[in-house]
């Protein structure tokens, strides 16, 4: 269930205008498996697109906490901080 929700959310991140649906699918994946680092990273990206910068920072940081070897959330968090300043 968590994998299916993650895949759906990941697909929706590439579809313009489907950001809210992507966020819902990724949140469903996280609810089913709370240690899903990739789902947190993708939800952080969606929150960034929606200009929810505080939520994006939280999701990127949570992804880093769960898997510090993945570079994508570090980049995402840096971009959010650059946009904020």
PDB file of N, CA and C in Angstrom:
ATOM      1  N   UNK A   1       0.788  -1.194   0.000  1.00  0.00           N
ATOM      2  CA  UNK A   1       0.000   0.000   0.000  1.00  0.00           C
ATOM      3  C   UNK A   1       0.834   1.264   0.000  1.00  0.00           C
ATOM      4  N   UNK A   2       1.880   1.287   0.813  1.00  0.00           N
ATOM      5  CA  UNK A   2       2.724   2.489   0.879  1.00  0.00           C
ATOM      6  C   UNK A   2       3.455   2.699  -0.438  1.00  0.00           C
ATOM      7  N   UNK A   3       3.904   1.617  -1.048  1.00  0.00           N
ATOM      8  CA  UNK A   3       4.640   1.719  -2.316  1.00  0.00           C
ATOM      9  C   UNK A   3       3.722   2.227  -3.418  1.00  0.00           C
ATOM     10  N   UNK A   4       2.504   1.718  -3.472  1.00  0.00           N
ATOM     11  CA  UNK A   4       1.554   2.172  -4.492  1.00  0.00           C
ATOM     12  C   UNK A   4       1.225   3.644  -4.330  1.00  0.00           C
ATOM     13  N   UNK A   5       1.002   4.079  -3.104  1.00  0.00           N
ATOM     14  CA  UNK A   5       0.698   5.493  -2.853  1.00  0.00           C
ATOM     15  C   UNK A   5       1.889   6.364  -3.224  1.00  0.00           C
ATOM     16  N   UNK A   6       3.103   5.884  -2.901  1.00  0.00           N
ATOM     17  CA  UNK A   6       4.308   6.643  -3.247  1.00  0.00           C
ATOM     18  C   UNK A   6       4.448   6.776  -4.761  1.00  0.00           C
ATOM     19  N   UNK A   7       4.278   5.668  -5.472  1.00  0.00           N
ATOM     20  CA  UNK A   7       4.400   5.706  -6.939  1.00  0.00           C
ATOM     21  C   UNK A   7       3.376   6.651  -7.559  1.00  0.00           C
ATOM     22  N   UNK A   8       2.157   6.601  -7.054  1.00  0.00           N
ATOM     23  CA  UNK A   8       1.113   7.497  -7.567  1.00  0.00           C
ATOM     24  C   UNK A   8       1.508   8.951  -7.320  1.00  0.00           C
ATOM     25  N   UNK A   9       1.961   9.250  -6.102  1.00  0.00           N
ATOM     26  CA  UNK A   9       2.376  10.609  -5.779  1.00  0.00           C
ATOM     27  C   UNK A   9       3.550  11.062  -6.611  1.00  0.00           C
ATOM     28  N   UNK A  10       4.504  10.169  -6.825  1.00  0.00           N
ATOM     29  CA  UNK A  10       5.687  10.511  -7.635  1.00  0.00           C
ATOM     30  C   UNK A  10       5.280  10.818  -9.074  1.00  0.00           C
ATOM     31  N   UNK A  11       4.359  10.027  -9.626  1.00  0.00           N
ATOM     32  CA  UNK A  11       3.874  10.294 -10.981  1.00  0.00           C
ATOM     33  C   UNK A  11       3.168  11.648 -11.059  1.00  0.00           C
ATOM     34  N   UNK A  12       2.378  11.951 -10.044  1.00  0.00           N
ATOM     35  CA  UNK A  12       1.609  13.200 -10.054  1.00  0.00           C
ATOM     36  C   UNK A  12       2.500  14.432  -9.908  1.00  0.00           C
ATOM     37  N   UNK A  13       3.705  14.273  -9.344  1.00  0.00           N
ATOM     38  CA  UNK A  13       4.594  15.435  -9.206  1.00  0.00           C
ATOM     39  C   UNK A  13       5.036  15.958 -10.557  1.00  0.00           C
ATOM     40  N   UNK A  14       5.004  15.107 -11.584  1.00  0.00           N
ATOM     41  CA  UNK A  14       5.430  15.544 -12.917  1.00  0.00           C
ATOM     42  C   UNK A  14       4.274  16.125 -13.722  1.00  0.00           C
ATOM     43  N   UNK A  15       3.042  15.944 -13.253  1.00  0.00           N
ATOM     44  CA  UNK A  15       1.868  16.466 -13.949  1.00  0.00           C
ATOM     45  C   UNK A  15       1.542  17.861 -13.427  1.00  0.00           C
ATOM     46  N   UNK A  16       1.551  18.810 -14.323  1.00  0.00           N
ATOM     47  CA  UNK A  16       1.285  20.188 -13.923  1.00  0.00           C
ATOM     48  C   UNK A  16      -0.159  20.334 -13.455  1.00  0.00           C
ATOM     49  N   UNK A  17      -0.340  21.028 -12.335  1.00  0.00           N
ATOM     50  CA  UNK A  17      -1.667  21.259 -11.780  1.00  0.00           C
ATOM     51  C   UNK A  17      -2.155  20.137 -10.872  1.00  0.00           C
ATOM     52  N   UNK A  18      -1.336  19.123 -10.658  1.00  0.00           N
ATOM     53  CA  UNK A  18      -1.738  17.978  -9.832  1.00  0.00           C
ATOM     54  C   UNK A  18      -0.955  17.937  -8.518  1.00  0.00           C
ATOM     55  N   UNK A  19      -0.426  19.086  -8.099  1.00  0.00           N
ATOM     56  CA  UNK A  19       0.416  19.118  -6.915  1.00  0.00           C
ATOM     57  C   UNK A  19      -0.337  18.703  -5.647  1.00  0.00           C
ATOM     58  N   UNK A  20      -1.561  19.176  -5.498  1.00  0.00           N
ATOM     59  CA  UNK A  20      -2.329  18.833  -4.289  1.00  0.00           C
ATOM     60  C   UNK A  20      -2.630  17.342  -4.240  1.00  0.00           C
ATOM     61  N   UNK A  21      -2.964  16.752  -5.383  1.00  0.00           N
ATOM     62  CA  UNK A  21      -3.214  15.317  -5.433  1.00  0.00           C
ATOM     63  C   UNK A  21      -1.932  14.538  -5.123  1.00  0.00           C
ATOM     64  N   UNK A  22      -0.803  15.039  -5.625  1.00  0.00           N
ATOM     65  CA  UNK A  22       0.483  14.396  -5.350  1.00  0.00           C
ATOM     66  C   UNK A  22       0.789  14.439  -3.858  1.00  0.00           C
ATOM     67  N   UNK A  23       0.534  15.585  -3.247  1.00  0.00           N
ATOM     68  CA  UNK A  23       0.789  15.724  -1.815  1.00  0.00           C
ATOM     69  C   UNK A  23      -0.080  14.760  -1.017  1.00  0.00           C
ATOM     70  N   UNK A  24      -1.333  14.619  -1.408  1.00  0.00           N
ATOM     71  CA  UNK A  24      -2.229  13.691  -0.717  1.00  0.00           C
ATOM     72  C   UNK A  24      -1.746  12.247  -0.844  1.00  0.00           C
ATOM     73  N   UNK A  25      -1.309  11.862  -2.033  1.00  0.00           N
ATOM     74  CA  UNK A  25      -0.831  10.493  -2.248  1.00  0.00           C
ATOM     75  C   UNK A  25       0.443  10.235  -1.454  1.00  0.00           C
ATOM     76  N   UNK A  26       1.341  11.199  -1.446  1.00  0.00           N
ATOM     77  CA  UNK A  26       2.589  11.039  -0.693  1.00  0.00           C
ATOM     78  C   UNK A  26       2.318  11.012   0.805  1.00  0.00           C
ATOM     79  N   UNK A  27       1.371  11.818   1.258  1.00  0.00           N
ATOM     80  CA  UNK A  27       0.995  11.790   2.671  1.00  0.00           C
ATOM     81  C   UNK A  27       0.395  10.430   3.040  1.00  0.00           C
ATOM     82  N   UNK A  28      -0.361   9.847   2.122  1.00  0.00           N
ATOM     83  CA  UNK A  28      -0.928   8.515   2.362  1.00  0.00           C
ATOM     84  C   UNK A  28       0.189   7.482   2.481  1.00  0.00           C
ATOM     85  N   UNK A  29       1.211   7.600   1.650  1.00  0.00           N
ATOM     86  CA  UNK A  29       2.351   6.677   1.726  1.00  0.00           C
ATOM     87  C   UNK A  29       3.052   6.810   3.073  1.00  0.00           C
ATOM     88  N   UNK A  30       3.199   8.044   3.538  1.00  0.00           N
ATOM     89  CA  UNK A  30       3.866   8.289   4.822  1.00  0.00           C
ATOM     90  C   UNK A  30       3.013   7.750   5.972  1.00  0.00           C
ATOM     91  N   UNK A  31       1.704   7.898   5.875  1.00  0.00           N
ATOM     92  CA  UNK A  31       0.820   7.361   6.916  1.00  0.00           C
ATOM     93  C   UNK A  31       0.938   5.842   7.009  1.00  0.00           C
ATOM     94  N   UNK A  32       1.114   5.193   5.865  1.00  0.00           N
ATOM     95  CA  UNK A  32       1.217   3.735   5.846  1.00  0.00           C
ATOM     96  C   UNK A  32       2.595   3.251   6.289  1.00  0.00           C
ATOM     97  N   UNK A  33       3.621   4.050   6.012  1.00  0.00           N
ATOM     98  CA  UNK A  33       4.985   3.693   6.420  1.00  0.00           C
ATOM     99  C   UNK A  33       5.713   4.983   6.784  1.00  0.00           C
ATOM    100  N   UNK A  34       5.764   5.284   8.067  1.00  0.00           N
ATOM    101  CA  UNK A  34       6.258   6.589   8.524  1.00  0.00           C
ATOM    102  C   UNK A  34       7.763   6.793   8.347  1.00  0.00           C
ATOM    103  N   UNK A  35       8.503   5.745   7.979  1.00  0.00           N
ATOM    104  CA  UNK A  35       9.949   5.883   7.768  1.00  0.00           C
ATOM    105  C   UNK A  35      10.305   5.909   6.278  1.00  0.00           C
ATOM    106  N   UNK A  36       9.378   6.344   5.443  1.00  0.00           N
ATOM    107  CA  UNK A  36       9.554   6.373   3.990  1.00  0.00           C
ATOM    108  C   UNK A  36      10.284   7.659   3.595  1.00  0.00           C
ATOM    109  N   UNK A  37      11.610   7.598   3.612  1.00  0.00           N
ATOM    110  CA  UNK A  37      12.435   8.785   3.360  1.00  0.00           C
ATOM    111  C   UNK A  37      12.170   9.388   1.982  1.00  0.00           C
ATOM    112  N   UNK A  38      11.983   8.558   0.975  1.00  0.00           N
ATOM    113  CA  UNK A  38      11.744   9.068  -0.380  1.00  0.00           C
ATOM    114  C   UNK A  38      10.407   9.796  -0.474  1.00  0.00           C
ATOM    115  N   UNK A  39       9.398   9.304   0.236  1.00  0.00           N
ATOM    116  CA  UNK A  39       8.097   9.975   0.221  1.00  0.00           C
ATOM    117  C   UNK A  39       8.196  11.345   0.882  1.00  0.00           C
ATOM    118  N   UNK A  40       8.956  11.431   1.965  1.00  0.00           N
ATOM    119  CA  UNK A  40       9.167  12.744   2.603  1.00  0.00           C
ATOM    120  C   UNK A  40       9.885  13.696   1.646  1.00  0.00           C
ATOM    121  N   UNK A  41      10.881  13.180   0.934  1.00  0.00           N
ATOM    122  CA  UNK A  41      11.632  14.035   0.005  1.00  0.00           C
ATOM    123  C   UNK A  41      10.722  14.553  -1.099  1.00  0.00           C
ATOM    124  N   UNK A  42       9.919  13.687  -1.692  1.00  0.00           N
ATOM    125  CA  UNK A  42       9.012  14.094  -2.769  1.00  0.00           C
ATOM    126  C   UNK A  42       7.937  15.039  -2.248  1.00  0.00           C
ATOM    127  N   UNK A  43       7.423  14.781  -1.047  1.00  0.00           N
ATOM    128  CA  UNK A  43       6.420  15.684  -0.481  1.00  0.00           C
ATOM    129  C   UNK A  43       7.046  17.044  -0.199  1.00  0.00           C
ATOM    130  N   UNK A  44       8.308  17.057   0.197  1.00  0.00           N
ATOM    131  CA  UNK A  44       9.014  18.325   0.367  1.00  0.00           C
ATOM    132  C   UNK A  44       9.073  19.100  -0.935  1.00  0.00           C
ATOM    133  N   UNK A  45       9.334  18.387  -2.021  1.00  0.00           N
ATOM    134  CA  UNK A  45       9.369  19.017  -3.347  1.00  0.00           C
ATOM    135  C   UNK A  45       8.001  19.599  -3.706  1.00  0.00           C
ATOM    136  N   UNK A  46       6.951  18.835  -3.454  1.00  0.00           N
ATOM    137  CA  UNK A  46       5.595  19.309  -3.753  1.00  0.00           C
ATOM    138  C   UNK A  46       5.264  20.526  -2.887  1.00  0.00           C
ATOM    139  N   UNK A  47       5.628  20.484  -1.615  1.00  0.00           N
ATOM    140  CA  UNK A  47       5.390  21.644  -0.745  1.00  0.00           C
ATOM    141  C   UNK A  47       6.151  22.862  -1.249  1.00  0.00           C
ATOM    142  N   UNK A  48       7.350  22.647  -1.773  1.00  0.00           N
ATOM    143  CA  UNK A  48       8.114  23.753  -2.351  1.00  0.00           C
ATOM    144  C   UNK A  48       7.360  24.343  -3.541  1.00  0.00           C
ATOM    145  N   UNK A  49       6.852  23.475  -4.404  1.00  0.00           N
ATOM    146  CA  UNK A  49       6.092  23.958  -5.560  1.00  0.00           C
ATOM    147  C   UNK A  49       4.857  24.751  -5.137  1.00  0.00           C
ATOM    148  N   UNK A  50       4.249  24.323  -4.027  1.00  0.00           N
ATOM    149  CA  UNK A  50       3.059  25.007  -3.518  1.00  0.00           C
ATOM    150  C   UNK A  50       3.404  26.221  -2.647  1.00  0.00           C
ATOM    151  N   UNK A  51       4.698  26.504  -2.534  1.00  0.00           N
ATOM    152  CA  UNK A  51       5.212  27.621  -1.735  1.00  0.00           C
ATOM    153  C   UNK A  51       4.933  27.461  -0.243  1.00  0.00           C
ATOM    154  N   UNK A  52       4.801  26.227   0.217  1.00  0.00           N
ATOM    155  CA  UNK A  52       4.683  25.906   1.640  1.00  0.00           C
ATOM    156  C   UNK A  52       6.098  25.634   2.158  1.00  0.00           C
ATOM    157  N   UNK A  53       6.872  26.694   2.315  1.00  0.00           N
ATOM    158  CA  UNK A  53       8.299  26.536   2.588  1.00  0.00           C
ATOM    159  C   UNK A  53       8.587  25.895   3.942  1.00  0.00           C
ATOM    160  N   UNK A  54       7.821  26.220   4.964  1.00  0.00           N
ATOM    161  CA  UNK A  54       8.056  25.609   6.283  1.00  0.00           C
ATOM    162  C   UNK A  54       7.802  24.107   6.219  1.00  0.00           C
ATOM    163  N   UNK A  55       6.740  23.710   5.541  1.00  0.00           N
ATOM    164  CA  UNK A  55       6.451  22.283   5.396  1.00  0.00           C
ATOM    165  C   UNK A  55       7.514  21.589   4.550  1.00  0.00           C
ATOM    166  N   UNK A  56       7.987  22.274   3.517  1.00  0.00           N
ATOM    167  CA  UNK A  56       9.034  21.701   2.670  1.00  0.00           C
ATOM    168  C   UNK A  56      10.307  21.467   3.481  1.00  0.00           C
ATOM    169  N   UNK A  57      10.688  22.442   4.295  1.00  0.00           N
ATOM    170  CA  UNK A  57      11.885  22.275   5.136  1.00  0.00           C
ATOM    171  C   UNK A  57      11.717  21.106   6.096  1.00  0.00           C
ATOM    172  N   UNK A  58      10.533  20.988   6.695  1.00  0.00           N
ATOM    173  CA  UNK A  58      10.275  19.865   7.604  1.00  0.00           C
ATOM    174  C   UNK A  58      10.436  18.528   6.872  1.00  0.00           C
ATOM    175  N   UNK A  59       9.798  18.414   5.704  1.00  0.00           N
ATOM    176  CA  UNK A  59       9.849  17.150   4.969  1.00  0.00           C
ATOM    177  C   UNK A  59      11.261  16.807   4.513  1.00  0.00           C
ATOM    178  N   UNK A  60      11.987  17.793   4.007  1.00  0.00           N
ATOM    179  CA  UNK A  60      13.372  17.531   3.591  1.00  0.00           C
ATOM    180  C   UNK A  60      14.219  17.111   4.786  1.00  0.00           C
ATOM    181  N   UNK A  61      14.067  17.784   5.904  1.00  0.00           N
ATOM    182  CA  UNK A  61      14.842  17.443   7.102  1.00  0.00           C
ATOM    183  C   UNK A  61      14.479  16.052   7.618  1.00  0.00           C
ATOM    184  N   UNK A  62      13.213  15.706   7.584  1.00  0.00           N
ATOM    185  CA  UNK A  62      12.775  14.383   8.019  1.00  0.00           C
ATOM    186  C   UNK A  62      13.364  13.308   7.107  1.00  0.00           C
ATOM    187  N   UNK A  63      13.391  13.571   5.816  1.00  0.00           N
ATOM    188  CA  UNK A  63      13.978  12.633   4.867  1.00  0.00           C
ATOM    189  C   UNK A  63      15.464  12.429   5.154  1.00  0.00           C
ATOM    190  N   UNK A  64      16.159  13.510   5.467  1.00  0.00           N
ATOM    191  CA  UNK A  64      17.587  13.426   5.801  1.00  0.00           C
ATOM    192  C   UNK A  64      17.789  12.621   7.075  1.00  0.00           C
ATOM    193  N   UNK A  65      16.936  12.850   8.068  1.00  0.00           N
ATOM    194  CA  UNK A  65      17.039  12.090   9.317  1.00  0.00           C
ATOM    195  C   UNK A  65      16.881  10.594   9.073  1.00  0.00           C
ATOM    196  N   UNK A  66      15.959  10.233   8.174  1.00  0.00           N
ATOM    197  CA  UNK A  66      15.682   8.825   7.909  1.00  0.00           C
ATOM    198  C   UNK A  66      16.736   8.174   7.014  1.00  0.00           C
ATOM    199  N   UNK A  67      17.283   8.944   6.078  1.00  0.00           N
ATOM    200  CA  UNK A  67      18.297   8.419   5.160  1.00  0.00           C
ATOM    201  C   UNK A  67      19.307   9.515   4.833  1.00  0.00           C
ATOM    202  N   UNK A  68      20.340   9.666   5.645  1.00  0.00           N
ATOM    203  CA  UNK A  68      21.309  10.743   5.425  1.00  0.00           C
ATOM    204  C   UNK A  68      22.205  10.545   4.204  1.00  0.00           C
ATOM    205  N   UNK A  69      22.093   9.410   3.528  1.00  0.00           N
ATOM    206  CA  UNK A  69      22.936   9.132   2.365  1.00  0.00           C
ATOM    207  C   UNK A  69      22.312   9.555   1.042  1.00  0.00           C
ATOM    208  N   UNK A  70      21.122  10.101   1.068  1.00  0.00           N
ATOM    209  CA  UNK A  70      20.440  10.548  -0.139  1.00  0.00           C
ATOM    210  C   UNK A  70      20.688  12.050  -0.317  1.00  0.00           C
ATOM    211  N   UNK A  71      21.206  12.429  -1.461  1.00  0.00           N
ATOM    212  CA  UNK A  71      21.583  13.829  -1.699  1.00  0.00           C
ATOM    213  C   UNK A  71      20.397  14.739  -2.015  1.00  0.00           C
ATOM    214  N   UNK A  72      19.318  14.197  -2.572  1.00  0.00           N
ATOM    215  CA  UNK A  72      18.199  15.030  -3.035  1.00  0.00           C
ATOM    216  C   UNK A  72      17.581  15.905  -1.949  1.00  0.00           C
ATOM    217  N   UNK A  73      17.326  15.381  -0.744  1.00  0.00           N
ATOM    218  CA  UNK A  73      16.717  16.274   0.258  1.00  0.00           C
ATOM    219  C   UNK A  73      17.662  17.386   0.722  1.00  0.00           C
ATOM    220  N   UNK A  74      18.963  17.145   0.691  1.00  0.00           N
ATOM    221  CA  UNK A  74      19.912  18.205   1.040  1.00  0.00           C
ATOM    222  C   UNK A  74      19.808  19.346   0.019  1.00  0.00           C
ATOM    223  N   UNK A  75      19.753  18.988  -1.255  1.00  0.00           N
ATOM    224  CA  UNK A  75      19.622  19.999  -2.303  1.00  0.00           C
ATOM    225  C   UNK A  75      18.296  20.746  -2.172  1.00  0.00           C
ATOM    226  N   UNK A  76      17.223  20.002  -1.958  1.00  0.00           N
ATOM    227  CA  UNK A  76      15.909  20.634  -1.809  1.00  0.00           C
ATOM    228  C   UNK A  76      15.872  21.603  -0.645  1.00  0.00           C
ATOM    229  N   UNK A  77      16.436  21.188   0.480  1.00  0.00           N
ATOM    230  CA  UNK A  77      16.449  22.060   1.662  1.00  0.00           C
ATOM    231  C   UNK A  77      17.272  23.310   1.400  1.00  0.00           C
ATOM    232  N   UNK A  78      18.387  23.163   0.703  1.00  0.00           N
ATOM    233  CA  UNK A  78      19.220  24.331   0.376  1.00  0.00           C
ATOM    234  C   UNK A  78      18.472  25.302  -0.545  1.00  0.00           C
ATOM    235  N   UNK A  79      17.748  24.774  -1.515  1.00  0.00           N
ATOM    236  CA  UNK A  79      17.000  25.644  -2.434  1.00  0.00           C
ATOM    237  C   UNK A  79      15.900  26.391  -1.684  1.00  0.00           C
ATOM    238  N   UNK A  80      15.216  25.723  -0.783  1.00  0.00           N
ATOM    239  CA  UNK A  80      14.170  26.393   0.008  1.00  0.00           C
ATOM    240  C   UNK A  80      14.791  27.520   0.814  1.00  0.00           C
ATOM    241  N   UNK A  81      15.916  27.254   1.459  1.00  0.00           N
ATOM    242  CA  UNK A  81      16.566  28.295   2.267  1.00  0.00           C
ATOM    243  C   UNK A  81      17.019  29.468   1.401  1.00  0.00           C
ATOM    244  N   UNK A  82      17.494  29.190   0.196  1.00  0.00           N
ATOM    245  CA  UNK A  82      17.899  30.271  -0.707  1.00  0.00           C
ATOM    246  C   UNK A  82      16.695  31.128  -1.100  1.00  0.00           C
ATOM    247  N   UNK A  83      15.579  30.494  -1.380  1.00  0.00           N
ATOM    248  CA  UNK A  83      14.370  31.222  -1.771  1.00  0.00           C
ATOM    249  C   UNK A  83      13.863  32.077  -0.608  1.00  0.00           C
ATOM    250  N   UNK A  84      13.958  31.547   0.604  1.00  0.00           N
ATOM    251  CA  UNK A  84      13.492  32.290   1.774  1.00  0.00           C
ATOM    252  C   UNK A  84      14.365  33.506   2.061  1.00  0.00           C
ATOM    253  N   UNK A  85      15.618  33.463   1.702  1.00  0.00           N
ATOM    254  CA  UNK A  85      16.519  34.578   2.012  1.00  0.00           C
ATOM    255  C   UNK A  85      16.807  35.306   0.784  1.00  0.00           C
TER     256      UNK A  85
END
